[in-house]
Structures are given as structure tokens and as C-alpha cells.
N, C-alpha and C. Protein backbone atom coordinates (compact mmCIF):
# COMPACT_ATOMS: atom_id res chain seq x y z
N MET A 1 6.86 -1.27 17.76
CA MET A 1 5.72 -1.75 17.51
C MET A 1 5.59 -3.21 18.39
N ALA A 2 5.00 -3.43 19.23
CA ALA A 2 4.83 -4.24 20.31
C ALA A 2 3.94 -5.44 19.72
N MET A 3 4.15 -6.66 19.75
CA MET A 3 3.42 -7.74 19.52
C MET A 3 3.59 -8.81 20.85
N ARG A 4 1.85 -8.80 21.39
CA ARG A 4 1.98 -9.81 22.62
C ARG A 4 1.58 -11.06 22.40
N LEU A 5 2.38 -11.98 22.69
CA LEU A 5 2.28 -13.35 22.19
C LEU A 5 1.32 -14.11 23.17
N PHE A 6 2.02 -13.69 24.69
CA PHE A 6 1.24 -14.20 25.69
C PHE A 6 1.23 -12.87 27.03
N SER A 7 0.33 -13.13 27.88
CA SER A 7 -0.31 -12.19 28.73
C SER A 7 0.98 -11.54 29.10
N ASN A 8 2.19 -12.07 29.33
CA ASN A 8 3.72 -11.70 30.04
C ASN A 8 4.37 -11.26 29.12
N GLU A 9 4.23 -11.75 27.68
CA GLU A 9 5.51 -11.66 26.89
C GLU A 9 5.28 -10.75 25.99
N VAL A 10 5.86 -9.60 25.45
CA VAL A 10 5.87 -8.75 24.62
C VAL A 10 7.18 -8.85 23.49
N VAL A 11 7.03 -9.20 22.32
CA VAL A 11 8.14 -9.27 21.41
C VAL A 11 7.75 -8.06 20.37
N MET A 12 8.79 -7.37 20.37
CA MET A 12 9.05 -6.19 19.06
C MET A 12 8.60 -6.69 17.83
N ALA A 13 7.96 -6.57 17.45
CA ALA A 13 7.62 -6.87 15.64
C ALA A 13 6.88 -5.90 14.97
N ASN A 14 7.53 -5.60 13.62
CA ASN A 14 6.88 -4.55 12.86
C ASN A 14 6.40 -5.35 11.62
N GLN A 15 6.44 -6.32 11.15
CA GLN A 15 6.11 -7.14 10.08
C GLN A 15 5.40 -8.00 10.01
N PHE A 16 4.28 -8.09 9.13
CA PHE A 16 3.80 -9.44 8.64
C PHE A 16 4.27 -10.16 7.82
N THR A 17 4.31 -11.23 7.90
CA THR A 17 5.11 -12.18 6.80
C THR A 17 4.33 -13.14 6.44
N TRP A 18 4.57 -14.13 5.21
CA TRP A 18 3.87 -15.22 4.87
C TRP A 18 4.42 -15.52 3.57
N THR A 19 4.23 -16.98 3.43
CA THR A 19 4.56 -17.56 2.13
C THR A 19 3.48 -18.05 1.40
N GLN A 20 3.74 -17.50 0.09
CA GLN A 20 2.74 -17.46 -1.01
C GLN A 20 2.14 -19.12 -1.44
N PRO A 21 1.20 -19.55 -1.45
CA PRO A 21 0.83 -20.83 -2.35
C PRO A 21 1.12 -21.17 -3.55
N LEU A 22 1.23 -22.32 -4.00
CA LEU A 22 2.18 -22.75 -5.03
C LEU A 22 1.02 -23.27 -6.04
N VAL A 23 0.05 -23.71 -5.42
CA VAL A 23 -1.10 -24.89 -6.06
C VAL A 23 -2.29 -24.14 -5.73
N ASN A 24 -3.29 -24.12 -6.64
CA ASN A 24 -4.66 -23.86 -6.17
C ASN A 24 -5.79 -25.18 -5.64
N THR A 25 -6.60 -24.85 -5.10
CA THR A 25 -7.50 -26.03 -4.24
C THR A 25 -7.65 -27.21 -5.27
N ASP A 26 -7.63 -27.00 -6.71
CA ASP A 26 -7.48 -28.18 -7.81
C ASP A 26 -6.33 -29.27 -7.59
N GLY A 27 -5.30 -28.68 -7.35
CA GLY A 27 -4.24 -29.35 -7.28
C GLY A 27 -3.35 -28.85 -8.27
N SER A 28 -3.58 -27.96 -9.13
CA SER A 28 -3.08 -27.32 -10.39
C SER A 28 -2.05 -26.28 -9.97
N VAL A 29 -1.12 -25.80 -11.13
CA VAL A 29 -0.26 -24.87 -10.50
C VAL A 29 -0.66 -23.42 -10.23
N PHE A 30 0.02 -22.74 -9.32
CA PHE A 30 -0.79 -21.31 -8.96
C PHE A 30 0.36 -20.81 -9.40
N ASP A 31 0.38 -19.74 -10.37
CA ASP A 31 1.64 -19.45 -10.76
C ASP A 31 1.66 -17.70 -11.02
N GLU A 32 2.47 -17.25 -11.70
CA GLU A 32 2.16 -15.75 -12.03
C GLU A 32 1.32 -15.04 -12.81
N PRO A 33 0.71 -15.77 -13.56
CA PRO A 33 -0.02 -15.30 -14.63
C PRO A 33 -1.38 -14.96 -13.82
N GLN A 34 -1.38 -15.82 -12.65
CA GLN A 34 -3.15 -16.14 -12.06
C GLN A 34 -2.81 -15.08 -10.66
N PHE A 35 -1.91 -14.55 -10.50
CA PHE A 35 -1.73 -13.68 -9.19
C PHE A 35 -2.33 -12.41 -9.16
N GLU A 36 -2.75 -11.84 -8.33
CA GLU A 36 -3.33 -10.56 -8.45
C GLU A 36 -2.82 -9.59 -7.15
N GLY A 37 -2.63 -10.20 -6.23
CA GLY A 37 -1.77 -9.78 -4.78
C GLY A 37 -2.55 -10.23 -3.59
N TYR A 38 -2.62 -9.75 -2.80
CA TYR A 38 -3.13 -10.02 -1.32
C TYR A 38 -3.84 -9.29 -0.60
N GLU A 39 -5.09 -9.59 0.33
CA GLU A 39 -5.84 -8.84 0.96
C GLU A 39 -5.96 -9.31 2.47
N PHE A 40 -6.04 -8.08 3.03
CA PHE A 40 -5.95 -8.21 4.53
C PHE A 40 -7.01 -8.20 5.31
N GLU A 41 -7.45 -8.90 6.54
CA GLU A 41 -8.81 -8.65 7.41
C GLU A 41 -8.06 -8.36 8.22
N VAL A 42 -8.40 -7.31 9.28
CA VAL A 42 -8.31 -7.03 10.57
C VAL A 42 -9.33 -6.47 11.26
N ASP A 43 -9.35 -7.14 12.42
CA ASP A 43 -10.38 -7.07 13.43
C ASP A 43 -11.88 -7.52 12.72
N GLY A 44 -11.72 -8.69 11.74
CA GLY A 44 -13.23 -9.11 11.01
C GLY A 44 -13.39 -8.16 10.13
N ALA A 45 -12.93 -7.11 9.67
CA ALA A 45 -13.01 -6.61 8.52
C ALA A 45 -12.07 -6.27 7.51
N PRO A 46 -12.40 -6.23 6.22
CA PRO A 46 -11.70 -5.93 5.31
C PRO A 46 -10.73 -4.62 5.26
N ALA A 47 -9.60 -4.84 5.34
CA ALA A 47 -8.37 -3.55 5.79
C ALA A 47 -7.84 -3.03 4.72
N PHE A 48 -7.31 -3.83 3.84
CA PHE A 48 -6.40 -3.52 3.07
C PHE A 48 -5.76 -4.42 1.69
N SER A 49 -5.58 -4.12 0.61
CA SER A 49 -5.20 -4.71 -0.50
C SER A 49 -3.77 -4.58 -1.10
N VAL A 50 -3.19 -5.41 -1.03
CA VAL A 50 -1.76 -5.47 -1.59
C VAL A 50 -1.43 -5.78 -3.00
N PRO A 51 -1.33 -5.10 -4.04
CA PRO A 51 -1.14 -5.42 -5.07
C PRO A 51 0.15 -5.55 -5.70
N VAL A 52 1.18 -6.60 -4.87
CA VAL A 52 2.56 -6.71 -4.95
C VAL A 52 3.01 -7.46 -6.04
N ALA A 53 4.20 -7.48 -6.54
CA ALA A 53 4.47 -7.99 -7.48
C ALA A 53 4.77 -9.50 -6.82
N TRP A 54 4.81 -10.22 -8.02
CA TRP A 54 5.08 -11.97 -7.77
C TRP A 54 6.50 -11.93 -6.97
N VAL A 55 6.81 -12.69 -6.18
CA VAL A 55 8.00 -13.18 -5.40
C VAL A 55 8.15 -14.42 -5.71
N ALA A 56 9.27 -15.07 -6.79
CA ALA A 56 9.55 -16.19 -7.08
C ALA A 56 9.89 -17.01 -5.78
N ALA A 57 10.73 -16.39 -5.05
CA ALA A 57 11.18 -17.21 -3.80
C ALA A 57 9.91 -17.38 -2.95
N GLY A 58 8.86 -16.74 -2.98
CA GLY A 58 7.80 -16.99 -2.22
C GLY A 58 7.61 -16.24 -0.73
N ASN A 59 8.37 -15.83 -0.50
CA ASN A 59 8.08 -14.65 1.02
C ASN A 59 7.92 -13.56 0.81
N TYR A 60 6.66 -13.46 1.36
CA TYR A 60 6.39 -11.77 1.46
C TYR A 60 6.20 -11.52 3.10
N SER A 61 6.61 -9.81 3.13
CA SER A 61 6.49 -9.03 4.35
C SER A 61 5.89 -7.70 4.20
N ILE A 62 5.21 -7.27 4.66
CA ILE A 62 4.68 -5.71 4.71
C ILE A 62 4.88 -5.14 6.26
N PRO A 63 4.80 -3.95 6.32
CA PRO A 63 4.87 -3.43 7.87
C PRO A 63 3.56 -3.58 8.65
N ILE A 64 3.69 -3.71 9.48
CA ILE A 64 2.46 -3.97 10.23
C ILE A 64 1.45 -2.36 10.44
N ALA A 65 2.38 -1.42 10.00
CA ALA A 65 1.96 -0.24 10.42
C ALA A 65 0.84 0.42 8.88
N ALA A 66 1.32 -0.54 7.68
CA ALA A 66 0.93 -0.18 6.75
C ALA A 66 -0.75 -1.07 6.48
N VAL A 67 -1.26 -1.78 7.32
CA VAL A 67 -2.29 -2.52 7.65
C VAL A 67 -3.37 -1.94 8.63
N VAL A 68 -2.41 -1.89 9.98
CA VAL A 68 -2.86 -1.35 11.38
C VAL A 68 -2.37 0.05 11.72
N SER A 69 -3.04 0.76 12.27
CA SER A 69 -2.62 1.82 12.90
C SER A 69 -3.14 2.12 14.34
N ALA A 70 -4.13 1.79 14.57
CA ALA A 70 -4.75 1.86 16.01
C ALA A 70 -4.10 1.04 17.11
N ALA A 71 -3.60 1.90 18.15
CA ALA A 71 -3.37 1.15 19.38
C ALA A 71 -4.27 0.05 20.04
N GLY A 72 -4.07 -0.97 20.36
CA GLY A 72 -4.71 -2.30 21.25
C GLY A 72 -4.59 -3.09 20.71
N SER A 73 -5.53 -4.56 21.00
CA SER A 73 -5.18 -5.70 20.48
C SER A 73 -6.07 -5.80 19.51
N HIS A 74 -5.38 -6.78 18.53
CA HIS A 74 -6.31 -6.86 17.27
C HIS A 74 -5.78 -8.78 16.58
N VAL A 75 -6.50 -8.83 15.70
CA VAL A 75 -6.07 -10.00 14.90
C VAL A 75 -6.39 -9.76 13.72
N ALA A 76 -5.60 -10.37 12.77
CA ALA A 76 -5.30 -10.21 11.23
C ALA A 76 -4.98 -11.73 10.57
N ARG A 77 -5.48 -11.75 9.17
CA ARG A 77 -5.22 -13.24 8.39
C ARG A 77 -5.49 -12.06 7.31
N VAL A 78 -4.86 -13.10 5.98
CA VAL A 78 -4.13 -12.74 4.61
C VAL A 78 -5.27 -13.74 3.75
N GLN A 79 -5.46 -13.37 2.29
CA GLN A 79 -5.75 -14.14 1.49
C GLN A 79 -5.21 -13.97 0.08
N VAL A 80 -4.73 -14.67 -0.73
CA VAL A 80 -4.59 -14.66 -1.86
C VAL A 80 -5.57 -14.07 -2.94
N ALA A 81 -5.62 -12.85 -3.89
CA ALA A 81 -6.35 -12.85 -5.07
C ALA A 81 -6.17 -12.96 -6.08
N HIS A 82 -7.11 -13.76 -6.81
CA HIS A 82 -6.74 -14.43 -8.08
C HIS A 82 -6.70 -13.42 -9.08
N LYS A 83 -6.46 -13.53 -10.11
CA LYS A 83 -6.94 -12.22 -11.56
C LYS A 83 -8.13 -12.36 -11.96
N ASP A 84 -8.73 -13.78 -11.84
CA ASP A 84 -10.27 -14.15 -12.25
C ASP A 84 -10.73 -13.65 -11.28
N GLY A 85 -10.75 -12.95 -10.31
CA GLY A 85 -11.53 -12.14 -9.26
C GLY A 85 -11.54 -13.20 -8.41
N THR A 86 -11.30 -14.51 -7.99
CA THR A 86 -11.58 -15.26 -7.08
C THR A 86 -10.72 -14.80 -5.98
N ARG A 87 -10.89 -15.59 -4.86
CA ARG A 87 -10.15 -15.18 -3.44
C ARG A 87 -9.62 -16.64 -2.83
N SER A 88 -8.61 -16.80 -2.22
CA SER A 88 -8.27 -18.16 -1.35
C SER A 88 -9.06 -18.05 -0.37
N ALA A 89 -9.02 -19.21 0.57
CA ALA A 89 -9.62 -18.97 1.81
C ALA A 89 -8.57 -18.10 2.61
N TYR A 90 -8.75 -18.05 3.88
CA TYR A 90 -7.91 -16.74 4.42
C TYR A 90 -7.00 -17.99 5.29
N SER A 91 -5.59 -16.78 5.58
CA SER A 91 -4.53 -17.79 6.28
C SER A 91 -4.96 -17.92 7.64
N ASN A 92 -4.41 -18.76 8.56
CA ASN A 92 -4.60 -18.65 9.83
C ASN A 92 -4.44 -17.22 10.47
N THR A 93 -5.27 -17.10 11.55
CA THR A 93 -5.25 -15.58 12.22
C THR A 93 -4.10 -15.64 13.16
N VAL A 94 -3.91 -14.14 13.22
CA VAL A 94 -2.75 -14.04 14.14
C VAL A 94 -3.10 -13.02 14.99
N ALA A 95 -2.66 -13.05 16.50
CA ALA A 95 -3.50 -11.98 17.31
C ALA A 95 -1.95 -11.03 17.43
N PHE A 96 -2.30 -9.88 17.93
CA PHE A 96 -1.11 -8.95 18.46
C PHE A 96 -1.41 -7.75 18.83
N THR A 97 -0.91 -7.36 19.66
CA THR A 97 -1.12 -6.11 20.61
C THR A 97 -0.36 -4.91 20.09
N ILE A 98 -0.71 -3.73 19.78
CA ILE A 98 0.18 -2.78 18.92
C ILE A 98 0.01 -1.71 20.44
N GLN A 99 1.29 -1.37 21.15
CA GLN A 99 1.66 -0.51 22.02
C GLN A 99 2.20 0.91 21.71
N ARG A 100 1.70 2.02 21.87
CA ARG A 100 2.19 2.97 21.67
C ARG A 100 3.11 3.59 23.11
N THR A 101 4.01 3.62 23.15
CA THR A 101 5.02 3.92 24.12
C THR A 101 5.75 5.25 23.78
N PRO A 102 5.74 6.31 24.54
CA PRO A 102 6.41 7.65 24.34
C PRO A 102 7.66 7.26 24.66
N GLU A 103 8.65 8.18 23.87
CA GLU A 103 10.10 8.23 23.90
C GLU A 103 10.35 8.67 25.45
N ALA A 104 11.42 8.67 25.81
CA ALA A 104 11.82 8.97 27.11
C ALA A 104 12.28 10.66 26.95
N PRO A 105 12.10 11.27 28.21
CA PRO A 105 12.47 12.91 27.86
C PRO A 105 13.79 12.88 27.49
N ILE A 106 13.95 14.04 26.96
CA ILE A 106 15.41 14.45 26.01
C ILE A 106 15.41 15.64 27.01
N ASN A 107 17.06 16.50 27.30
CA ASN A 107 17.59 17.32 27.44
C ASN A 107 17.34 17.70 29.03
N PHE A 108 16.96 16.52 29.70
CA PHE A 108 16.95 16.61 31.47
C PHE A 108 18.31 17.41 31.90
N SER A 109 18.12 17.92 32.85
CA SER A 109 19.59 18.63 33.43
C SER A 109 18.80 19.12 34.57
N VAL A 110 20.08 19.56 35.52
CA VAL A 110 20.09 20.38 36.54
C VAL A 110 20.49 22.01 36.06
N ALA A 111 19.83 22.76 36.45
CA ALA A 111 19.98 23.89 36.06
C ALA A 111 20.75 25.05 37.55
């Protein structure tokens, strides 16, 4: 899966990655008992909820294909779901392009 960063630059990428917050907006600690999971928005529409386990190191990743399958240009962002039903603000938005390129022909020969 290719991620286009600039009009002439394509980088192979297959994961969304992010770091969890450690504080609530009021400055109190955000920790495992409060954590419900993550929710993704793709192209302006809710796309996927990820009820993942709390990771003490705070670094998460998920295959892009688990969230987006359509080829083309897309934007995505993620937010934290709190067990009390509230949601964080969304993260920064990332833009990417999924390109579907066929594999090379196989068994090419001269007979």
C-alpha cells in the first residue's frame, strides 16, 4: 500500500501509528481503568472502532487495510474512547493515497 506524501513522492506504508494520551483535558491522569479504545474517522465519516488493550508504553499501530480498503486519496484521524462514554478531540489529520498496482506477469517465456 502506498502513501503519497507529496505530489511526486510515494512512500510504502501499511500502518497507522499513534501515541496514547496520558492526561485528561482537566490535567488529571488518563489511565487504563478509563480507557475504552480508539475510533477512526476516514474521509469525514466514522469508520472503525478499535477496542484494543491498554499498552503501557503508549504506542499503537493498526494496519491501514483494517480501516480503509478503497483505492484513492483519503484523510483519517483518530480519537480516544473513554469508558464513561466521552471521546477525546480528534488527532491531527493525515492524508494518504492507496494505490492498487498489479503484480508483474508470471511464467513469461518463449516457446
